[in-house]
Amino acid sequence: MEEKILIQQLKHKSQPALEHLIDLYSAYVSTIVRNIIGAQMRIEDIEEVVSDVFVLLWNNATQIQENGSLKSYIAAIARNQALKKLRNLDPQFCLLEEDILIVRDTNDPLKESENKQELEWIFSTMEKQDREIFLRYYFFFEKTKDIALQLKMNESTVRSRLLRGRAFLKQRLIEGGYEFENKHIQNG
């Protein structure tokens, strides 16, 4: 079924349209969720998040733009729900490879909004290809070999660009007053 028709049917609360979308995208959603929380949580938690994604899709169907990509919209819901579940484990920190970036003050929603705007601005200043690689890897949890295949480049190039992107992001955040803690404990 064409996406526009599915979106229209979903907006009109068509149960068969939702069932079709579940059949079509449940494996895709499961992969996204598993990539984000699989190592930290049980299979039941993953299944719960996948179910939540389709409930949210159903409840927010009227907000879906008919000219947008339904697959991208569902992926964004999956990513956000998985990260929400993960944040419930430890709401204070966001991991960025070997460092722990302190970006959230859970008692101050205004500060969290400012942090998000700061990150969006920093991402917008990255080179286009570096930004795409960085977002695919850290926000959509794609593997480096899959990114390399999609972007027609060597996997080692993707890893180099990720390294450069992390250094760029870390430097900009430090300049903005954010703090990092090295999570590796050194024996003294």
N, C-alpha and C. Protein backbone atom coordinates (compact mmCIF):
# COMPACT_ATOMS: atom_id res chain seq x y z
N MET A 1 0.85 -1.18 0.00
CA MET A 1 0.00 0.00 0.00
C MET A 1 0.89 1.24 0.00
N GLU A 2 0.49 2.25 -0.72
CA GLU A 2 1.26 3.49 -0.78
C GLU A 2 1.21 4.20 0.57
N GLU A 3 2.33 4.85 0.94
CA GLU A 3 2.44 5.50 2.25
C GLU A 3 1.36 6.55 2.48
N LYS A 4 1.09 7.37 1.45
CA LYS A 4 0.10 8.43 1.62
C LYS A 4 -1.29 7.86 1.97
N ILE A 5 -1.62 6.76 1.33
CA ILE A 5 -2.92 6.12 1.60
C ILE A 5 -2.92 5.57 3.03
N LEU A 6 -1.82 4.94 3.42
CA LEU A 6 -1.72 4.41 4.79
C LEU A 6 -1.84 5.53 5.82
N ILE A 7 -1.17 6.66 5.55
CA ILE A 7 -1.24 7.79 6.48
C ILE A 7 -2.67 8.30 6.59
N GLN A 8 -3.35 8.44 5.45
CA GLN A 8 -4.73 8.91 5.47
C GLN A 8 -5.64 7.94 6.23
N GLN A 9 -5.45 6.66 5.99
CA GLN A 9 -6.26 5.66 6.68
C GLN A 9 -5.97 5.67 8.19
N LEU A 10 -4.71 5.82 8.53
CA LEU A 10 -4.32 5.87 9.93
C LEU A 10 -4.94 7.09 10.61
N LYS A 11 -4.94 8.22 9.92
CA LYS A 11 -5.54 9.44 10.47
C LYS A 11 -7.04 9.27 10.70
N HIS A 12 -7.66 8.41 9.90
CA HIS A 12 -9.09 8.13 10.05
C HIS A 12 -9.33 6.92 10.96
N LYS A 13 -8.29 6.53 11.70
CA LYS A 13 -8.36 5.45 12.70
C LYS A 13 -8.77 4.11 12.10
N SER A 14 -8.16 3.78 10.98
CA SER A 14 -8.40 2.49 10.34
C SER A 14 -7.54 1.42 11.01
N GLN A 15 -8.20 0.49 11.67
CA GLN A 15 -7.51 -0.61 12.35
C GLN A 15 -6.71 -1.47 11.36
N PRO A 16 -7.26 -1.80 10.19
CA PRO A 16 -6.47 -2.58 9.22
C PRO A 16 -5.19 -1.86 8.77
N ALA A 17 -5.24 -0.52 8.67
CA ALA A 17 -4.05 0.23 8.29
C ALA A 17 -2.97 0.10 9.36
N LEU A 18 -3.38 0.18 10.62
CA LEU A 18 -2.43 0.02 11.72
C LEU A 18 -1.83 -1.39 11.71
N GLU A 19 -2.68 -2.39 11.52
CA GLU A 19 -2.20 -3.77 11.47
C GLU A 19 -1.21 -3.97 10.32
N HIS A 20 -1.50 -3.34 9.18
CA HIS A 20 -0.59 -3.43 8.04
C HIS A 20 0.77 -2.79 8.37
N LEU A 21 0.73 -1.63 9.04
CA LEU A 21 1.96 -0.95 9.43
C LEU A 21 2.76 -1.77 10.44
N ILE A 22 2.07 -2.42 11.35
CA ILE A 22 2.75 -3.28 12.32
C ILE A 22 3.43 -4.43 11.60
N ASP A 23 2.73 -5.05 10.65
CA ASP A 23 3.34 -6.14 9.87
C ASP A 23 4.54 -5.63 9.06
N LEU A 24 4.38 -4.46 8.51
CA LEU A 24 5.40 -3.89 7.63
C LEU A 24 6.65 -3.43 8.39
N TYR A 25 6.46 -2.81 9.56
CA TYR A 25 7.57 -2.14 10.24
C TYR A 25 7.97 -2.72 11.59
N SER A 26 7.34 -3.76 12.08
CA SER A 26 7.68 -4.25 13.42
C SER A 26 9.12 -4.77 13.49
N ALA A 27 9.60 -5.43 12.48
CA ALA A 27 11.00 -5.90 12.49
C ALA A 27 11.97 -4.71 12.48
N TYR A 28 11.65 -3.71 11.69
CA TYR A 28 12.46 -2.49 11.60
C TYR A 28 12.51 -1.78 12.96
N VAL A 29 11.35 -1.62 13.59
CA VAL A 29 11.27 -0.97 14.90
C VAL A 29 12.01 -1.80 15.94
N SER A 30 11.85 -3.11 15.90
CA SER A 30 12.55 -4.00 16.85
C SER A 30 14.06 -3.85 16.72
N THR A 31 14.55 -3.74 15.51
CA THR A 31 15.99 -3.58 15.29
C THR A 31 16.49 -2.27 15.90
N ILE A 32 15.77 -1.19 15.67
CA ILE A 32 16.16 0.11 16.23
C ILE A 32 16.18 0.04 17.75
N VAL A 33 15.11 -0.49 18.33
CA VAL A 33 15.00 -0.56 19.79
C VAL A 33 16.08 -1.48 20.36
N ARG A 34 16.28 -2.62 19.73
CA ARG A 34 17.30 -3.58 20.21
C ARG A 34 18.70 -2.97 20.14
N ASN A 35 18.98 -2.21 19.08
CA ASN A 35 20.28 -1.57 18.96
C ASN A 35 20.52 -0.56 20.08
N ILE A 36 19.47 0.06 20.57
CA ILE A 36 19.61 1.09 21.59
C ILE A 36 19.62 0.49 23.00
N ILE A 37 18.68 -0.39 23.30
CA ILE A 37 18.56 -0.86 24.69
C ILE A 37 18.83 -2.34 24.89
N GLY A 38 19.14 -3.04 23.82
CA GLY A 38 19.29 -4.49 23.90
C GLY A 38 20.28 -4.98 24.92
N ALA A 39 21.40 -4.30 25.07
CA ALA A 39 22.43 -4.77 25.99
C ALA A 39 22.07 -4.49 27.45
N GLN A 40 21.22 -3.51 27.68
CA GLN A 40 20.90 -3.11 29.04
C GLN A 40 19.61 -3.72 29.59
N MET A 41 18.74 -4.22 28.72
CA MET A 41 17.42 -4.65 29.17
C MET A 41 17.04 -6.01 28.63
N ARG A 42 15.97 -6.54 29.18
CA ARG A 42 15.48 -7.86 28.81
C ARG A 42 14.65 -7.77 27.52
N ILE A 43 14.41 -8.93 26.93
CA ILE A 43 13.62 -9.01 25.70
C ILE A 43 12.21 -8.46 25.91
N GLU A 44 11.67 -8.65 27.12
CA GLU A 44 10.32 -8.14 27.42
C GLU A 44 10.29 -6.61 27.37
N ASP A 45 11.40 -5.97 27.79
CA ASP A 45 11.48 -4.51 27.74
C ASP A 45 11.50 -4.03 26.29
N ILE A 46 12.23 -4.75 25.46
CA ILE A 46 12.29 -4.41 24.03
C ILE A 46 10.90 -4.54 23.41
N GLU A 47 10.22 -5.64 23.70
CA GLU A 47 8.88 -5.85 23.17
C GLU A 47 7.91 -4.78 23.65
N GLU A 48 8.07 -4.36 24.90
CA GLU A 48 7.21 -3.30 25.45
C GLU A 48 7.42 -1.99 24.70
N VAL A 49 8.67 -1.65 24.44
CA VAL A 49 8.96 -0.41 23.71
C VAL A 49 8.42 -0.48 22.29
N VAL A 50 8.58 -1.62 21.64
CA VAL A 50 8.05 -1.79 20.27
C VAL A 50 6.54 -1.58 20.28
N SER A 51 5.86 -2.16 21.25
CA SER A 51 4.40 -1.97 21.35
C SER A 51 4.07 -0.51 21.58
N ASP A 52 4.83 0.14 22.46
CA ASP A 52 4.60 1.56 22.74
C ASP A 52 4.73 2.41 21.49
N VAL A 53 5.65 2.04 20.61
CA VAL A 53 5.86 2.80 19.37
C VAL A 53 4.58 2.81 18.54
N PHE A 54 3.96 1.65 18.39
CA PHE A 54 2.75 1.59 17.56
C PHE A 54 1.54 2.20 18.26
N VAL A 55 1.52 2.15 19.58
CA VAL A 55 0.45 2.84 20.31
C VAL A 55 0.59 4.35 20.11
N LEU A 56 1.81 4.85 20.22
CA LEU A 56 2.04 6.28 19.99
C LEU A 56 1.73 6.68 18.55
N LEU A 57 2.08 5.82 17.61
CA LEU A 57 1.75 6.09 16.22
C LEU A 57 0.24 6.24 16.05
N TRP A 58 -0.50 5.33 16.65
CA TRP A 58 -1.96 5.35 16.58
C TRP A 58 -2.52 6.61 17.25
N ASN A 59 -2.03 6.90 18.44
CA ASN A 59 -2.56 8.04 19.21
C ASN A 59 -2.21 9.39 18.59
N ASN A 60 -1.12 9.45 17.85
CA ASN A 60 -0.67 10.71 17.26
C ASN A 60 -0.79 10.74 15.74
N ALA A 61 -1.64 9.90 15.21
CA ALA A 61 -1.78 9.78 13.75
C ALA A 61 -2.15 11.09 13.08
N THR A 62 -2.92 11.93 13.75
CA THR A 62 -3.34 13.19 13.14
C THR A 62 -2.17 14.15 12.93
N GLN A 63 -1.06 13.93 13.62
CA GLN A 63 0.10 14.81 13.50
C GLN A 63 1.06 14.41 12.37
N ILE A 64 0.83 13.26 11.78
CA ILE A 64 1.72 12.79 10.72
C ILE A 64 1.51 13.64 9.47
N GLN A 65 2.60 14.12 8.89
CA GLN A 65 2.51 14.90 7.67
C GLN A 65 2.39 13.96 6.48
N GLU A 66 1.44 14.22 5.63
CA GLU A 66 1.17 13.32 4.50
C GLU A 66 2.27 13.33 3.46
N ASN A 67 3.06 14.38 3.40
CA ASN A 67 4.14 14.42 2.41
C ASN A 67 5.47 13.96 3.02
N GLY A 68 5.47 13.58 4.29
CA GLY A 68 6.68 13.11 4.96
C GLY A 68 6.86 11.62 4.79
N SER A 69 7.96 11.13 5.30
CA SER A 69 8.27 9.70 5.24
C SER A 69 7.73 9.01 6.49
N LEU A 70 6.82 8.09 6.28
CA LEU A 70 6.24 7.35 7.39
C LEU A 70 7.30 6.50 8.08
N LYS A 71 8.17 5.91 7.30
CA LYS A 71 9.25 5.07 7.87
C LYS A 71 10.14 5.90 8.78
N SER A 72 10.49 7.10 8.37
CA SER A 72 11.33 7.99 9.19
C SER A 72 10.59 8.42 10.45
N TYR A 73 9.31 8.69 10.33
CA TYR A 73 8.49 9.08 11.47
C TYR A 73 8.44 7.95 12.50
N ILE A 74 8.23 6.74 12.02
CA ILE A 74 8.18 5.57 12.91
C ILE A 74 9.56 5.34 13.54
N ALA A 75 10.61 5.51 12.76
CA ALA A 75 11.97 5.35 13.29
C ALA A 75 12.25 6.36 14.40
N ALA A 76 11.79 7.58 14.20
CA ALA A 76 12.00 8.62 15.22
C ALA A 76 11.25 8.27 16.51
N ILE A 77 10.03 7.78 16.38
CA ILE A 77 9.27 7.37 17.56
C ILE A 77 10.00 6.22 18.27
N ALA A 78 10.48 5.26 17.50
CA ALA A 78 11.18 4.10 18.07
C ALA A 78 12.43 4.55 18.81
N ARG A 79 13.20 5.40 18.18
CA ARG A 79 14.43 5.90 18.79
C ARG A 79 14.11 6.64 20.08
N ASN A 80 13.15 7.54 20.04
CA ASN A 80 12.80 8.34 21.22
C ASN A 80 12.27 7.48 22.36
N GLN A 81 11.44 6.50 22.04
CA GLN A 81 10.90 5.62 23.08
C GLN A 81 11.99 4.75 23.69
N ALA A 82 12.90 4.26 22.87
CA ALA A 82 13.99 3.44 23.39
C ALA A 82 14.91 4.28 24.28
N LEU A 83 15.22 5.48 23.84
CA LEU A 83 16.07 6.36 24.65
C LEU A 83 15.37 6.76 25.95
N LYS A 84 14.07 6.96 25.88
CA LYS A 84 13.30 7.28 27.09
C LYS A 84 13.40 6.12 28.08
N LYS A 85 13.24 4.92 27.59
CA LYS A 85 13.35 3.73 28.44
C LYS A 85 14.76 3.63 29.02
N LEU A 86 15.75 3.91 28.21
CA LEU A 86 17.14 3.86 28.65
C LEU A 86 17.43 4.94 29.69
N ARG A 87 16.90 6.14 29.47
CA ARG A 87 17.10 7.24 30.43
C ARG A 87 16.50 6.92 31.79
N ASN A 88 15.47 6.08 31.82
CA ASN A 88 14.88 5.71 33.10
C ASN A 88 15.87 4.94 33.97
N LEU A 89 16.86 4.32 33.33
CA LEU A 89 17.91 3.64 34.09
C LEU A 89 18.81 4.64 34.80
N ASP A 90 19.20 5.71 34.09
CA ASP A 90 20.08 6.73 34.65
C ASP A 90 19.82 8.04 33.93
N PRO A 91 18.95 8.89 34.49
CA PRO A 91 18.54 10.11 33.80
C PRO A 91 19.57 11.23 33.79
N GLN A 92 20.70 11.05 34.45
CA GLN A 92 21.67 12.15 34.57
C GLN A 92 22.68 12.21 33.44
N PHE A 93 22.95 11.10 32.78
CA PHE A 93 24.08 11.07 31.87
C PHE A 93 23.70 10.65 30.46
N CYS A 94 24.51 11.09 29.54
CA CYS A 94 24.42 10.68 28.14
C CYS A 94 25.80 10.18 27.75
N LEU A 95 25.91 8.95 27.27
CA LEU A 95 27.22 8.39 26.93
C LEU A 95 27.66 8.82 25.54
N LEU A 96 28.92 9.13 25.42
CA LEU A 96 29.52 9.44 24.14
C LEU A 96 30.86 8.75 24.10
N GLU A 97 30.85 7.47 23.65
CA GLU A 97 32.04 6.63 23.59
C GLU A 97 32.73 6.57 24.94
N GLU A 98 34.00 7.03 25.02
CA GLU A 98 34.78 6.83 26.24
C GLU A 98 34.48 7.87 27.32
N ASP A 99 33.69 8.85 27.03
CA ASP A 99 33.40 9.89 28.00
C ASP A 99 31.94 9.89 28.40
N ILE A 100 31.67 10.43 29.57
CA ILE A 100 30.30 10.66 30.00
C ILE A 100 30.07 12.15 29.92
N LEU A 101 29.13 12.54 29.12
CA LEU A 101 28.80 13.94 28.92
C LEU A 101 27.67 14.30 29.87
N ILE A 102 27.90 15.27 30.73
CA ILE A 102 26.86 15.70 31.65
C ILE A 102 26.09 16.80 30.94
N VAL A 103 24.89 16.48 30.47
CA VAL A 103 24.13 17.45 29.70
C VAL A 103 22.75 17.73 30.26
N ARG A 104 22.29 16.94 31.17
CA ARG A 104 20.93 17.13 31.64
C ARG A 104 20.88 17.46 33.12
N ASP A 105 19.98 18.36 33.45
CA ASP A 105 19.63 18.60 34.84
C ASP A 105 18.16 18.24 34.91
N THR A 106 17.86 17.06 35.45
CA THR A 106 16.49 16.55 35.41
C THR A 106 15.53 17.40 36.21
N ASN A 107 16.04 18.30 37.05
CA ASN A 107 15.16 19.17 37.83
C ASN A 107 14.86 20.48 37.11
N ASP A 108 15.43 20.68 35.92
CA ASP A 108 15.28 21.94 35.21
C ASP A 108 14.95 21.69 33.73
N PRO A 109 13.64 21.61 33.39
CA PRO A 109 13.25 21.37 31.99
C PRO A 109 13.75 22.45 31.04
N LEU A 110 13.87 23.68 31.51
CA LEU A 110 14.36 24.77 30.67
C LEU A 110 15.81 24.51 30.28
N LYS A 111 16.62 24.05 31.22
CA LYS A 111 18.03 23.73 30.95
C LYS A 111 18.13 22.59 29.95
N GLU A 112 17.26 21.59 30.08
CA GLU A 112 17.28 20.46 29.14
C GLU A 112 16.94 20.95 27.73
N SER A 113 16.00 21.88 27.61
CA SER A 113 15.64 22.45 26.31
C SER A 113 16.81 23.23 25.72
N GLU A 114 17.51 24.00 26.57
CA GLU A 114 18.69 24.74 26.12
C GLU A 114 19.77 23.78 25.63
N ASN A 115 19.96 22.67 26.34
CA ASN A 115 20.95 21.66 25.94
C ASN A 115 20.62 21.11 24.56
N LYS A 116 19.35 20.82 24.33
CA LYS A 116 18.93 20.27 23.05
C LYS A 116 19.19 21.27 21.93
N GLN A 117 18.86 22.54 22.18
CA GLN A 117 19.10 23.57 21.17
C GLN A 117 20.59 23.73 20.88
N GLU A 118 21.41 23.66 21.92
CA GLU A 118 22.86 23.75 21.75
C GLU A 118 23.38 22.61 20.88
N LEU A 119 22.92 21.38 21.16
CA LEU A 119 23.34 20.23 20.37
C LEU A 119 22.90 20.36 18.92
N GLU A 120 21.66 20.82 18.69
CA GLU A 120 21.17 21.00 17.33
C GLU A 120 22.01 22.03 16.58
N TRP A 121 22.40 23.12 17.27
CA TRP A 121 23.22 24.13 16.63
C TRP A 121 24.58 23.55 16.28
N ILE A 122 25.19 22.80 17.21
CA ILE A 122 26.50 22.21 16.95
C ILE A 122 26.42 21.26 15.76
N PHE A 123 25.39 20.42 15.72
CA PHE A 123 25.23 19.49 14.59
C PHE A 123 25.11 20.26 13.28
N SER A 124 24.43 21.39 13.31
CA SER A 124 24.24 22.16 12.08
C SER A 124 25.55 22.75 11.57
N THR A 125 26.56 22.88 12.44
CA THR A 125 27.84 23.44 12.02
C THR A 125 28.83 22.38 11.54
N MET A 126 28.47 21.11 11.68
CA MET A 126 29.34 20.03 11.20
C MET A 126 29.26 19.95 9.68
N GLU A 127 30.30 19.40 9.06
CA GLU A 127 30.23 19.15 7.63
C GLU A 127 29.06 18.20 7.37
N LYS A 128 28.41 18.39 6.22
CA LYS A 128 27.19 17.64 5.92
C LYS A 128 27.39 16.12 6.03
N GLN A 129 28.44 15.61 5.42
CA GLN A 129 28.65 14.16 5.43
C GLN A 129 29.01 13.67 6.83
N ASP A 130 29.80 14.43 7.57
CA ASP A 130 30.14 14.06 8.95
C ASP A 130 28.88 14.03 9.81
N ARG A 131 28.02 15.02 9.62
CA ARG A 131 26.78 15.09 10.38
C ARG A 131 25.89 13.88 10.08
N GLU A 132 25.78 13.54 8.80
CA GLU A 132 24.96 12.39 8.42
C GLU A 132 25.49 11.11 9.05
N ILE A 133 26.79 10.91 8.98
CA ILE A 133 27.39 9.71 9.57
C ILE A 133 27.17 9.70 11.08
N PHE A 134 27.41 10.83 11.72
CA PHE A 134 27.27 10.95 13.17
C PHE A 134 25.84 10.65 13.60
N LEU A 135 24.88 11.23 12.91
CA LEU A 135 23.47 11.02 13.27
C LEU A 135 23.04 9.58 13.01
N ARG A 136 23.46 9.02 11.90
CA ARG A 136 23.12 7.63 11.60
C ARG A 136 23.66 6.69 12.68
N TYR A 137 24.89 6.95 13.11
CA TYR A 137 25.52 6.05 14.08
C TYR A 137 24.98 6.25 15.49
N TYR A 138 24.93 7.51 15.96
CA TYR A 138 24.55 7.77 17.35
C TYR A 138 23.06 7.94 17.60
N PHE A 139 22.32 8.36 16.57
CA PHE A 139 20.91 8.59 16.80
C PHE A 139 20.02 7.51 16.22
N PHE A 140 20.47 6.87 15.15
CA PHE A 140 19.70 5.78 14.58
C PHE A 140 20.38 4.44 14.79
N PHE A 141 21.54 4.46 15.46
CA PHE A 141 22.26 3.27 15.89
C PHE A 141 22.53 2.29 14.75
N GLU A 142 22.87 2.85 13.59
CA GLU A 142 23.27 2.01 12.47
C GLU A 142 24.71 1.59 12.67
N LYS A 143 25.06 0.43 12.15
CA LYS A 143 26.43 -0.07 12.24
C LYS A 143 27.30 0.62 11.19
N THR A 144 28.61 0.73 11.49
CA THR A 144 29.52 1.43 10.58
C THR A 144 29.56 0.78 9.20
N LYS A 145 29.47 -0.55 9.15
CA LYS A 145 29.51 -1.20 7.83
C LYS A 145 28.26 -0.87 7.02
N ASP A 146 27.11 -0.73 7.68
CA ASP A 146 25.87 -0.37 6.97
C ASP A 146 25.92 1.08 6.48
N ILE A 147 26.47 1.96 7.31
CA ILE A 147 26.61 3.36 6.91
C ILE A 147 27.54 3.46 5.70
N ALA A 148 28.66 2.74 5.78
CA ALA A 148 29.63 2.75 4.68
C ALA A 148 28.98 2.26 3.38
N LEU A 149 28.21 1.21 3.47
CA LEU A 149 27.54 0.66 2.30
C LEU A 149 26.55 1.67 1.71
N GLN A 150 25.75 2.29 2.57
CA GLN A 150 24.76 3.27 2.10
C GLN A 150 25.41 4.51 1.49
N LEU A 151 26.53 4.94 2.08
CA LEU A 151 27.18 6.17 1.61
C LEU A 151 28.31 5.90 0.61
N LYS A 152 28.48 4.62 0.24
CA LYS A 152 29.49 4.21 -0.75
C LYS A 152 30.89 4.70 -0.37
N MET A 153 31.31 4.31 0.83
CA MET A 153 32.65 4.65 1.28
C MET A 153 33.21 3.49 2.10
N ASN A 154 34.49 3.54 2.40
CA ASN A 154 35.12 2.51 3.20
C ASN A 154 34.65 2.60 4.64
N GLU A 155 34.56 1.45 5.29
CA GLU A 155 34.16 1.44 6.70
C GLU A 155 35.17 2.19 7.56
N SER A 156 36.45 2.11 7.21
CA SER A 156 37.48 2.82 7.97
C SER A 156 37.29 4.34 7.85
N THR A 157 36.80 4.79 6.72
CA THR A 157 36.52 6.22 6.53
C THR A 157 35.37 6.64 7.45
N VAL A 158 34.36 5.80 7.54
CA VAL A 158 33.23 6.09 8.44
C VAL A 158 33.72 6.20 9.87
N ARG A 159 34.55 5.24 10.29
CA ARG A 159 35.07 5.28 11.67
C ARG A 159 35.93 6.53 11.90
N SER A 160 36.72 6.92 10.92
CA SER A 160 37.54 8.13 11.05
C SER A 160 36.66 9.37 11.18
N ARG A 161 35.62 9.42 10.38
CA ARG A 161 34.71 10.57 10.44
C ARG A 161 33.95 10.61 11.76
N LEU A 162 33.62 9.44 12.32
CA LEU A 162 32.99 9.40 13.64
C LEU A 162 33.94 9.93 14.71
N LEU A 163 35.18 9.53 14.62
CA LEU A 163 36.19 10.00 15.57
C LEU A 163 36.32 11.52 15.48
N ARG A 164 36.39 12.02 14.27
CA ARG A 164 36.48 13.46 14.05
C ARG A 164 35.22 14.16 14.56
N GLY A 165 34.06 13.57 14.31
CA GLY A 165 32.80 14.15 14.77
C GLY A 165 32.72 14.21 16.30
N ARG A 166 33.18 13.15 16.97
CA ARG A 166 33.17 13.14 18.44
C ARG A 166 34.09 14.24 18.98
N ALA A 167 35.28 14.37 18.38
CA ALA A 167 36.22 15.40 18.82
C ALA A 167 35.62 16.80 18.61
N PHE A 168 34.98 17.00 17.46
CA PHE A 168 34.35 18.27 17.14
C PHE A 168 33.25 18.59 18.16
N LEU A 169 32.38 17.62 18.41
CA LEU A 169 31.27 17.81 19.33
C LEU A 169 31.79 18.09 20.74
N LYS A 170 32.74 17.29 21.18
CA LYS A 170 33.30 17.46 22.53
C LYS A 170 33.91 18.85 22.68
N GLN A 171 34.69 19.30 21.69
CA GLN A 171 35.33 20.61 21.77
C GLN A 171 34.29 21.72 21.85
N ARG A 172 33.26 21.63 21.00
CA ARG A 172 32.22 22.67 21.00
C ARG A 172 31.46 22.69 22.33
N LEU A 173 31.21 21.52 22.90
CA LEU A 173 30.50 21.46 24.17
C LEU A 173 31.35 21.99 25.32
N ILE A 174 32.63 21.67 25.31
CA ILE A 174 33.53 22.21 26.33
C ILE A 174 33.57 23.73 26.24
N GLU A 175 33.65 24.25 25.01
CA GLU A 175 33.63 25.70 24.80
C GLU A 175 32.33 26.30 25.32
N GLY A 176 31.23 25.52 25.28
CA GLY A 176 29.94 25.99 25.76
C GLY A 176 29.74 25.79 27.26
N GLY A 177 30.74 25.27 27.95
CA GLY A 177 30.65 25.14 29.40
C GLY A 177 30.20 23.79 29.92
N TYR A 178 30.11 22.80 29.04
CA TYR A 178 29.72 21.47 29.48
C TYR A 178 30.93 20.74 30.05
N GLU A 179 30.66 19.74 30.87
CA GLU A 179 31.72 18.98 31.52
C GLU A 179 31.71 17.54 31.05
N PHE A 180 32.88 16.94 31.05
CA PHE A 180 33.03 15.54 30.71
C PHE A 180 33.72 14.83 31.85
N GLU A 181 33.38 13.59 32.05
CA GLU A 181 34.09 12.72 32.97
C GLU A 181 34.58 11.54 32.17
N ASN A 182 35.83 11.17 32.33
CA ASN A 182 36.34 9.97 31.66
C ASN A 182 35.83 8.79 32.44
N LYS A 183 35.16 7.85 31.77
CA LYS A 183 34.57 6.71 32.48
C LYS A 183 35.57 5.61 32.75
N HIS A 184 36.78 5.71 32.18
CA HIS A 184 37.81 4.73 32.45
C HIS A 184 38.48 5.07 33.77
N ILE A 185 38.47 4.15 34.68
CA ILE A 185 39.10 4.37 35.98
C ILE A 185 40.57 3.99 35.87
N GLN A 186 41.41 4.92 36.23
CA GLN A 186 42.84 4.65 36.15
C GLN A 186 43.32 4.17 37.52
N ASN A 187 44.10 3.11 37.51
CA ASN A 187 44.66 2.61 38.75
C ASN A 187 45.84 3.46 39.14
N GLY A 188 45.86 3.92 40.38
CA GLY A 188 46.93 4.79 40.79
C GLY A 188 47.74 4.17 41.79
